[in-house]
Amino acid sequence: MARLTMEDRVAIEDLFVRYACALDEGDAETVVACFAQDASLESPAIGKRTGRAAIREFAERFARYRQGGAQLRHVISNLRMQIDGDRARAQCYLTAFLTRHGQSRLLPPGHYDCDLVNVDGEWLFERRVVVHDHEYELEGL
């Protein structure tokens, strides 16, 4: 493993934050831009999606959920990463809140497990897996 530079650390952390905020804000374009062309995303809420077109469908689905009155807040912490050239592995804890119909609840905690790739100087998700501590349902999604 190569030594992680401060620039890489900041860029990878920014990628994680940019993704979480864009998902919560219903910004499908930014969500999609966080992924490499042939990336995969796997989540208990949506199953496995591969490629930017499928990831766009996922992001647009969550944007519609937000437009319908649901507000998600993805909070990430304990980000750790290893780098090997233009590839990296990163994981973090995930806490997510859902507010809907004037009620807020905490979703089961979990974590993100991600493989990243550096494309033209930009870190992107190549494989992103969402794991929660137990099953749950998002009503109306």
N, C-alpha and C. Protein backbone atom coordinates (compact mmCIF):
# COMPACT_ATOMS: atom_id res chain seq x y z
N MET A 1 0.82 -1.19 0.00
CA MET A 1 0.00 0.00 0.00
C MET A 1 0.87 1.26 0.00
N ALA A 2 0.46 2.22 -0.77
CA ALA A 2 1.19 3.48 -0.84
C ALA A 2 0.78 4.39 0.32
N ARG A 3 1.61 5.35 0.59
CA ARG A 3 1.30 6.33 1.64
C ARG A 3 0.19 7.24 1.13
N LEU A 4 -0.79 7.44 1.95
CA LEU A 4 -1.93 8.30 1.61
C LEU A 4 -1.53 9.76 1.77
N THR A 5 -1.63 10.54 0.70
CA THR A 5 -1.30 11.96 0.79
C THR A 5 -2.48 12.72 1.39
N MET A 6 -2.18 13.89 1.91
CA MET A 6 -3.24 14.75 2.46
C MET A 6 -4.23 15.12 1.35
N GLU A 7 -3.73 15.35 0.14
CA GLU A 7 -4.61 15.70 -0.98
C GLU A 7 -5.58 14.56 -1.29
N ASP A 8 -5.06 13.33 -1.30
CA ASP A 8 -5.93 12.18 -1.56
C ASP A 8 -6.97 12.03 -0.44
N ARG A 9 -6.52 12.16 0.80
CA ARG A 9 -7.44 12.03 1.94
C ARG A 9 -8.58 13.05 1.83
N VAL A 10 -8.23 14.30 1.57
CA VAL A 10 -9.24 15.35 1.47
C VAL A 10 -10.17 15.08 0.29
N ALA A 11 -9.62 14.66 -0.85
CA ALA A 11 -10.45 14.41 -2.04
C ALA A 11 -11.41 13.24 -1.81
N ILE A 12 -10.94 12.19 -1.13
CA ILE A 12 -11.81 11.04 -0.87
C ILE A 12 -12.89 11.40 0.14
N GLU A 13 -12.50 12.13 1.19
CA GLU A 13 -13.50 12.58 2.16
C GLU A 13 -14.55 13.47 1.48
N ASP A 14 -14.09 14.36 0.60
CA ASP A 14 -15.02 15.23 -0.13
C ASP A 14 -15.98 14.40 -0.99
N LEU A 15 -15.49 13.34 -1.61
CA LEU A 15 -16.35 12.47 -2.42
C LEU A 15 -17.46 11.87 -1.56
N PHE A 16 -17.12 11.35 -0.39
CA PHE A 16 -18.12 10.76 0.50
C PHE A 16 -19.16 11.79 0.94
N VAL A 17 -18.70 12.98 1.31
CA VAL A 17 -19.62 14.03 1.78
C VAL A 17 -20.48 14.53 0.62
N ARG A 18 -19.86 14.74 -0.53
CA ARG A 18 -20.60 15.21 -1.71
C ARG A 18 -21.72 14.24 -2.07
N TYR A 19 -21.41 12.94 -2.05
CA TYR A 19 -22.41 11.91 -2.36
C TYR A 19 -23.57 11.96 -1.35
N ALA A 20 -23.25 11.93 -0.06
CA ALA A 20 -24.29 11.89 0.98
C ALA A 20 -25.19 13.13 0.90
N CYS A 21 -24.59 14.30 0.74
CA CYS A 21 -25.38 15.53 0.68
C CYS A 21 -26.23 15.59 -0.59
N ALA A 22 -25.67 15.18 -1.71
CA ALA A 22 -26.43 15.20 -2.96
C ALA A 22 -27.61 14.23 -2.89
N LEU A 23 -27.41 13.07 -2.31
CA LEU A 23 -28.50 12.11 -2.16
C LEU A 23 -29.61 12.72 -1.31
N ASP A 24 -29.24 13.35 -0.20
CA ASP A 24 -30.23 13.95 0.69
C ASP A 24 -30.94 15.15 0.06
N GLU A 25 -30.26 15.86 -0.83
CA GLU A 25 -30.82 17.04 -1.47
C GLU A 25 -31.59 16.72 -2.75
N GLY A 26 -31.58 15.47 -3.18
CA GLY A 26 -32.27 15.10 -4.40
C GLY A 26 -31.54 15.54 -5.65
N ASP A 27 -30.23 15.70 -5.56
CA ASP A 27 -29.40 16.15 -6.68
C ASP A 27 -28.83 14.94 -7.43
N ALA A 28 -29.63 14.40 -8.34
CA ALA A 28 -29.26 13.17 -9.05
C ALA A 28 -28.00 13.34 -9.87
N GLU A 29 -27.80 14.50 -10.49
CA GLU A 29 -26.62 14.72 -11.33
C GLU A 29 -25.33 14.59 -10.52
N THR A 30 -25.31 15.17 -9.34
CA THR A 30 -24.11 15.08 -8.50
C THR A 30 -23.90 13.66 -8.00
N VAL A 31 -24.98 12.97 -7.63
CA VAL A 31 -24.85 11.57 -7.21
C VAL A 31 -24.18 10.77 -8.32
N VAL A 32 -24.68 10.87 -9.53
CA VAL A 32 -24.14 10.10 -10.66
C VAL A 32 -22.68 10.47 -10.91
N ALA A 33 -22.35 11.75 -10.80
CA ALA A 33 -20.98 12.21 -11.07
C ALA A 33 -19.97 11.67 -10.05
N CYS A 34 -20.44 11.12 -8.95
CA CYS A 34 -19.55 10.54 -7.93
C CYS A 34 -19.06 9.14 -8.32
N PHE A 35 -19.60 8.57 -9.40
CA PHE A 35 -19.31 7.19 -9.77
C PHE A 35 -18.57 7.11 -11.10
N ALA A 36 -17.67 6.12 -11.20
CA ALA A 36 -17.02 5.81 -12.47
C ALA A 36 -18.07 5.27 -13.44
N GLN A 37 -17.76 5.26 -14.72
CA GLN A 37 -18.72 4.86 -15.75
C GLN A 37 -19.31 3.47 -15.51
N ASP A 38 -18.49 2.51 -15.14
CA ASP A 38 -18.97 1.13 -14.99
C ASP A 38 -19.10 0.72 -13.52
N ALA A 39 -19.30 1.69 -12.65
CA ALA A 39 -19.36 1.44 -11.21
C ALA A 39 -20.60 0.65 -10.82
N SER A 40 -20.54 0.09 -9.61
CA SER A 40 -21.71 -0.59 -9.07
C SER A 40 -22.06 -0.01 -7.71
N LEU A 41 -23.34 -0.06 -7.40
CA LEU A 41 -23.88 0.41 -6.13
C LEU A 41 -24.82 -0.66 -5.62
N GLU A 42 -24.60 -1.09 -4.40
CA GLU A 42 -25.44 -2.14 -3.81
C GLU A 42 -25.95 -1.65 -2.47
N SER A 43 -27.28 -1.71 -2.31
CA SER A 43 -27.92 -1.22 -1.09
C SER A 43 -29.15 -2.05 -0.80
N PRO A 44 -29.46 -2.27 0.48
CA PRO A 44 -30.68 -3.02 0.81
C PRO A 44 -31.95 -2.29 0.35
N ALA A 45 -31.86 -0.98 0.17
CA ALA A 45 -33.04 -0.21 -0.26
C ALA A 45 -33.33 -0.36 -1.75
N ILE A 46 -32.28 -0.69 -2.56
CA ILE A 46 -32.48 -0.70 -4.02
C ILE A 46 -31.88 -1.89 -4.73
N GLY A 47 -31.24 -2.80 -4.01
CA GLY A 47 -30.57 -3.93 -4.65
C GLY A 47 -29.26 -3.48 -5.25
N LYS A 48 -28.81 -4.17 -6.31
CA LYS A 48 -27.53 -3.83 -6.95
C LYS A 48 -27.79 -3.15 -8.29
N ARG A 49 -27.09 -2.05 -8.51
CA ARG A 49 -27.16 -1.30 -9.76
C ARG A 49 -25.75 -1.20 -10.32
N THR A 50 -25.61 -1.40 -11.63
CA THR A 50 -24.30 -1.31 -12.27
C THR A 50 -24.36 -0.35 -13.44
N GLY A 51 -23.40 0.57 -13.52
CA GLY A 51 -23.33 1.55 -14.59
C GLY A 51 -24.04 2.84 -14.20
N ARG A 52 -23.59 3.90 -14.83
CA ARG A 52 -24.15 5.22 -14.49
C ARG A 52 -25.64 5.35 -14.79
N ALA A 53 -26.13 4.70 -15.84
CA ALA A 53 -27.56 4.81 -16.15
C ALA A 53 -28.40 4.20 -15.02
N ALA A 54 -27.98 3.06 -14.51
CA ALA A 54 -28.71 2.41 -13.42
C ALA A 54 -28.58 3.21 -12.12
N ILE A 55 -27.41 3.79 -11.92
CA ILE A 55 -27.21 4.62 -10.72
C ILE A 55 -28.05 5.89 -10.83
N ARG A 56 -28.20 6.42 -12.03
CA ARG A 56 -29.07 7.60 -12.23
C ARG A 56 -30.52 7.24 -11.87
N GLU A 57 -31.00 6.07 -12.26
CA GLU A 57 -32.36 5.66 -11.90
C GLU A 57 -32.53 5.62 -10.39
N PHE A 58 -31.52 5.08 -9.68
CA PHE A 58 -31.54 5.05 -8.23
C PHE A 58 -31.62 6.47 -7.67
N ALA A 59 -30.74 7.37 -8.14
CA ALA A 59 -30.69 8.74 -7.63
C ALA A 59 -31.98 9.49 -7.92
N GLU A 60 -32.56 9.28 -9.09
CA GLU A 60 -33.83 9.94 -9.43
C GLU A 60 -34.97 9.40 -8.58
N ARG A 61 -34.93 8.13 -8.26
CA ARG A 61 -35.94 7.52 -7.38
C ARG A 61 -35.90 8.18 -6.00
N PHE A 62 -34.69 8.36 -5.46
CA PHE A 62 -34.57 9.01 -4.16
C PHE A 62 -34.95 10.49 -4.25
N ALA A 63 -34.68 11.14 -5.37
CA ALA A 63 -35.10 12.54 -5.56
C ALA A 63 -36.63 12.64 -5.55
N ARG A 64 -37.30 11.70 -6.19
CA ARG A 64 -38.78 11.70 -6.18
C ARG A 64 -39.31 11.44 -4.77
N TYR A 65 -38.63 10.58 -4.03
CA TYR A 65 -39.01 10.29 -2.64
C TYR A 65 -38.93 11.58 -1.82
N ARG A 66 -37.89 12.36 -2.05
CA ARG A 66 -37.75 13.65 -1.36
C ARG A 66 -38.83 14.62 -1.81
N GLN A 67 -39.10 14.68 -3.10
CA GLN A 67 -40.15 15.57 -3.61
C GLN A 67 -41.52 15.20 -3.04
N GLY A 68 -41.69 13.93 -2.68
CA GLY A 68 -42.94 13.46 -2.09
C GLY A 68 -43.05 13.75 -0.60
N GLY A 69 -42.07 14.45 -0.03
CA GLY A 69 -42.16 14.85 1.36
C GLY A 69 -41.25 14.13 2.32
N ALA A 70 -40.43 13.21 1.85
CA ALA A 70 -39.50 12.49 2.72
C ALA A 70 -38.14 13.20 2.70
N GLN A 71 -37.53 13.33 3.86
CA GLN A 71 -36.20 13.91 3.94
C GLN A 71 -35.27 12.93 4.63
N LEU A 72 -34.27 12.48 3.90
CA LEU A 72 -33.23 11.63 4.48
C LEU A 72 -32.03 12.49 4.85
N ARG A 73 -31.33 12.08 5.89
CA ARG A 73 -30.08 12.72 6.30
C ARG A 73 -29.06 11.62 6.55
N HIS A 74 -28.13 11.48 5.63
CA HIS A 74 -27.06 10.49 5.75
C HIS A 74 -25.88 11.15 6.46
N VAL A 75 -25.49 10.61 7.60
CA VAL A 75 -24.38 11.13 8.38
C VAL A 75 -23.28 10.07 8.39
N ILE A 76 -22.10 10.46 7.95
CA ILE A 76 -20.99 9.51 7.88
C ILE A 76 -19.93 9.89 8.91
N SER A 77 -19.22 8.86 9.40
CA SER A 77 -18.16 9.10 10.38
C SER A 77 -17.14 7.97 10.30
N ASN A 78 -16.06 8.13 11.04
CA ASN A 78 -15.01 7.11 11.14
C ASN A 78 -14.52 6.66 9.76
N LEU A 79 -14.30 7.62 8.88
CA LEU A 79 -13.81 7.33 7.54
C LEU A 79 -12.36 6.85 7.60
N ARG A 80 -12.11 5.71 6.99
CA ARG A 80 -10.76 5.17 6.92
C ARG A 80 -10.49 4.74 5.48
N MET A 81 -9.25 4.83 5.08
CA MET A 81 -8.94 4.54 3.68
C MET A 81 -7.52 4.03 3.51
N GLN A 82 -7.32 3.26 2.46
CA GLN A 82 -6.00 2.80 2.03
C GLN A 82 -5.91 3.07 0.53
N ILE A 83 -4.72 3.41 0.09
CA ILE A 83 -4.54 3.75 -1.32
C ILE A 83 -3.45 2.86 -1.92
N ASP A 84 -3.65 2.52 -3.18
CA ASP A 84 -2.66 1.75 -3.92
C ASP A 84 -2.66 2.28 -5.35
N GLY A 85 -1.82 3.26 -5.60
CA GLY A 85 -1.76 3.88 -6.93
C GLY A 85 -3.02 4.65 -7.24
N ASP A 86 -3.68 4.28 -8.35
CA ASP A 86 -4.91 4.97 -8.72
C ASP A 86 -6.15 4.25 -8.22
N ARG A 87 -5.98 3.38 -7.24
CA ARG A 87 -7.10 2.66 -6.62
C ARG A 87 -7.04 2.87 -5.12
N ALA A 88 -8.20 2.84 -4.49
CA ALA A 88 -8.27 2.99 -3.04
C ALA A 88 -9.42 2.17 -2.50
N ARG A 89 -9.36 1.91 -1.22
CA ARG A 89 -10.43 1.23 -0.50
C ARG A 89 -10.80 2.15 0.65
N ALA A 90 -12.07 2.39 0.86
CA ALA A 90 -12.50 3.28 1.94
C ALA A 90 -13.79 2.75 2.56
N GLN A 91 -13.87 2.89 3.86
CA GLN A 91 -15.07 2.50 4.60
C GLN A 91 -15.39 3.60 5.60
N CYS A 92 -16.66 3.69 5.98
CA CYS A 92 -17.06 4.60 7.04
C CYS A 92 -18.35 4.11 7.67
N TYR A 93 -18.62 4.61 8.86
CA TYR A 93 -19.89 4.31 9.52
C TYR A 93 -20.98 5.17 8.89
N LEU A 94 -22.21 4.66 8.95
CA LEU A 94 -23.37 5.36 8.40
C LEU A 94 -24.47 5.43 9.45
N THR A 95 -24.95 6.63 9.68
CA THR A 95 -26.15 6.87 10.48
C THR A 95 -27.11 7.62 9.56
N ALA A 96 -28.34 7.17 9.45
CA ALA A 96 -29.30 7.81 8.55
C ALA A 96 -30.61 8.07 9.29
N PHE A 97 -31.13 9.27 9.07
CA PHE A 97 -32.40 9.67 9.65
C PHE A 97 -33.41 9.86 8.52
N LEU A 98 -34.65 9.56 8.80
CA LEU A 98 -35.74 9.78 7.85
C LEU A 98 -36.80 10.62 8.54
N THR A 99 -37.16 11.74 7.91
CA THR A 99 -38.28 12.56 8.37
C THR A 99 -39.37 12.49 7.31
N ARG A 100 -40.55 12.12 7.75
CA ARG A 100 -41.69 11.96 6.85
C ARG A 100 -42.97 12.17 7.63
N HIS A 101 -43.92 12.95 7.08
CA HIS A 101 -45.20 13.22 7.73
C HIS A 101 -45.00 13.79 9.13
N GLY A 102 -44.01 14.66 9.29
CA GLY A 102 -43.78 15.31 10.57
C GLY A 102 -43.16 14.45 11.65
N GLN A 103 -42.71 13.26 11.28
CA GLN A 103 -42.08 12.34 12.23
C GLN A 103 -40.68 11.99 11.75
N SER A 104 -39.75 11.96 12.68
CA SER A 104 -38.37 11.58 12.34
C SER A 104 -38.04 10.27 13.04
N ARG A 105 -37.24 9.46 12.34
CA ARG A 105 -36.78 8.21 12.94
C ARG A 105 -35.37 7.91 12.46
N LEU A 106 -34.68 7.16 13.29
CA LEU A 106 -33.34 6.71 12.97
C LEU A 106 -33.45 5.38 12.24
N LEU A 107 -32.79 5.28 11.08
CA LEU A 107 -32.73 4.01 10.37
C LEU A 107 -31.65 3.15 11.02
N PRO A 108 -31.65 1.85 10.78
CA PRO A 108 -30.61 1.01 11.37
C PRO A 108 -29.21 1.51 10.99
N PRO A 109 -28.31 1.61 11.95
CA PRO A 109 -26.95 2.05 11.62
C PRO A 109 -26.27 1.04 10.71
N GLY A 110 -25.21 1.48 10.08
CA GLY A 110 -24.49 0.59 9.19
C GLY A 110 -23.18 1.19 8.75
N HIS A 111 -22.75 0.78 7.56
CA HIS A 111 -21.49 1.31 7.03
C HIS A 111 -21.48 1.25 5.51
N TYR A 112 -20.60 2.06 4.94
CA TYR A 112 -20.30 2.03 3.52
C TYR A 112 -18.97 1.30 3.34
N ASP A 113 -18.90 0.43 2.35
CA ASP A 113 -17.67 -0.27 2.00
C ASP A 113 -17.43 0.02 0.52
N CYS A 114 -16.36 0.71 0.20
CA CYS A 114 -16.19 1.23 -1.16
C CYS A 114 -14.81 0.96 -1.75
N ASP A 115 -14.80 0.66 -3.04
CA ASP A 115 -13.59 0.66 -3.84
C ASP A 115 -13.66 1.92 -4.68
N LEU A 116 -12.53 2.62 -4.79
CA LEU A 116 -12.47 3.86 -5.54
C LEU A 116 -11.41 3.77 -6.63
N VAL A 117 -11.58 4.61 -7.62
CA VAL A 117 -10.60 4.69 -8.70
C VAL A 117 -10.35 6.17 -9.00
N ASN A 118 -9.11 6.49 -9.31
CA ASN A 118 -8.76 7.86 -9.65
C ASN A 118 -8.77 7.98 -11.18
N VAL A 119 -9.69 8.79 -11.68
CA VAL A 119 -9.85 9.00 -13.12
C VAL A 119 -9.50 10.46 -13.42
N ASP A 120 -8.43 10.65 -14.17
CA ASP A 120 -7.99 11.99 -14.55
C ASP A 120 -7.87 12.91 -13.33
N GLY A 121 -7.32 12.39 -12.24
CA GLY A 121 -7.08 13.20 -11.04
C GLY A 121 -8.27 13.33 -10.11
N GLU A 122 -9.36 12.64 -10.40
CA GLU A 122 -10.56 12.73 -9.55
C GLU A 122 -10.90 11.35 -8.99
N TRP A 123 -11.07 11.26 -7.68
CA TRP A 123 -11.48 10.02 -7.05
C TRP A 123 -12.97 9.80 -7.26
N LEU A 124 -13.33 8.58 -7.71
CA LEU A 124 -14.72 8.22 -7.95
C LEU A 124 -15.01 6.85 -7.34
N PHE A 125 -16.26 6.60 -7.03
CA PHE A 125 -16.66 5.28 -6.55
C PHE A 125 -16.64 4.30 -7.72
N GLU A 126 -16.03 3.15 -7.51
CA GLU A 126 -16.06 2.07 -8.48
C GLU A 126 -17.00 0.96 -8.01
N ARG A 127 -17.02 0.76 -6.71
CA ARG A 127 -17.94 -0.20 -6.09
C ARG A 127 -18.33 0.37 -4.74
N ARG A 128 -19.61 0.48 -4.50
CA ARG A 128 -20.11 1.05 -3.25
C ARG A 128 -21.15 0.10 -2.69
N VAL A 129 -20.90 -0.42 -1.50
CA VAL A 129 -21.82 -1.34 -0.86
C VAL A 129 -22.30 -0.70 0.44
N VAL A 130 -23.62 -0.68 0.61
CA VAL A 130 -24.24 -0.16 1.82
C VAL A 130 -24.69 -1.35 2.66
N VAL A 131 -24.28 -1.37 3.91
CA VAL A 131 -24.64 -2.46 4.81
C VAL A 131 -25.28 -1.86 6.06
N HIS A 132 -26.45 -2.37 6.43
CA HIS A 132 -27.11 -1.92 7.67
C HIS A 132 -27.09 -3.07 8.67
N ASP A 133 -27.17 -2.72 9.94
CA ASP A 133 -27.09 -3.72 11.01
C ASP A 133 -28.27 -4.68 11.02
N HIS A 134 -29.41 -4.27 10.46
CA HIS A 134 -30.56 -5.15 10.31
C HIS A 134 -31.47 -4.60 9.23
N GLU A 135 -32.37 -5.44 8.76
CA GLU A 135 -33.28 -5.05 7.68
C GLU A 135 -34.25 -3.96 8.14
N TYR A 136 -34.75 -3.22 7.16
CA TYR A 136 -35.75 -2.18 7.41
C TYR A 136 -36.45 -1.89 6.10
N GLU A 137 -37.52 -1.11 6.17
CA GLU A 137 -38.24 -0.69 4.97
C GLU A 137 -38.36 0.82 4.94
N LEU A 138 -38.29 1.38 3.75
CA LEU A 138 -38.57 2.80 3.54
C LEU A 138 -39.95 2.88 2.90
N GLU A 139 -40.92 3.21 3.69
CA GLU A 139 -42.29 3.29 3.18
C GLU A 139 -42.39 4.34 2.08
N GLY A 140 -43.04 3.98 1.00
CA GLY A 140 -43.28 4.92 -0.09
C GLY A 140 -42.13 5.08 -1.06
N LEU A 141 -41.05 4.34 -0.88
CA LEU A 141 -39.91 4.50 -1.82
C LEU A 141 -40.12 3.68 -3.05
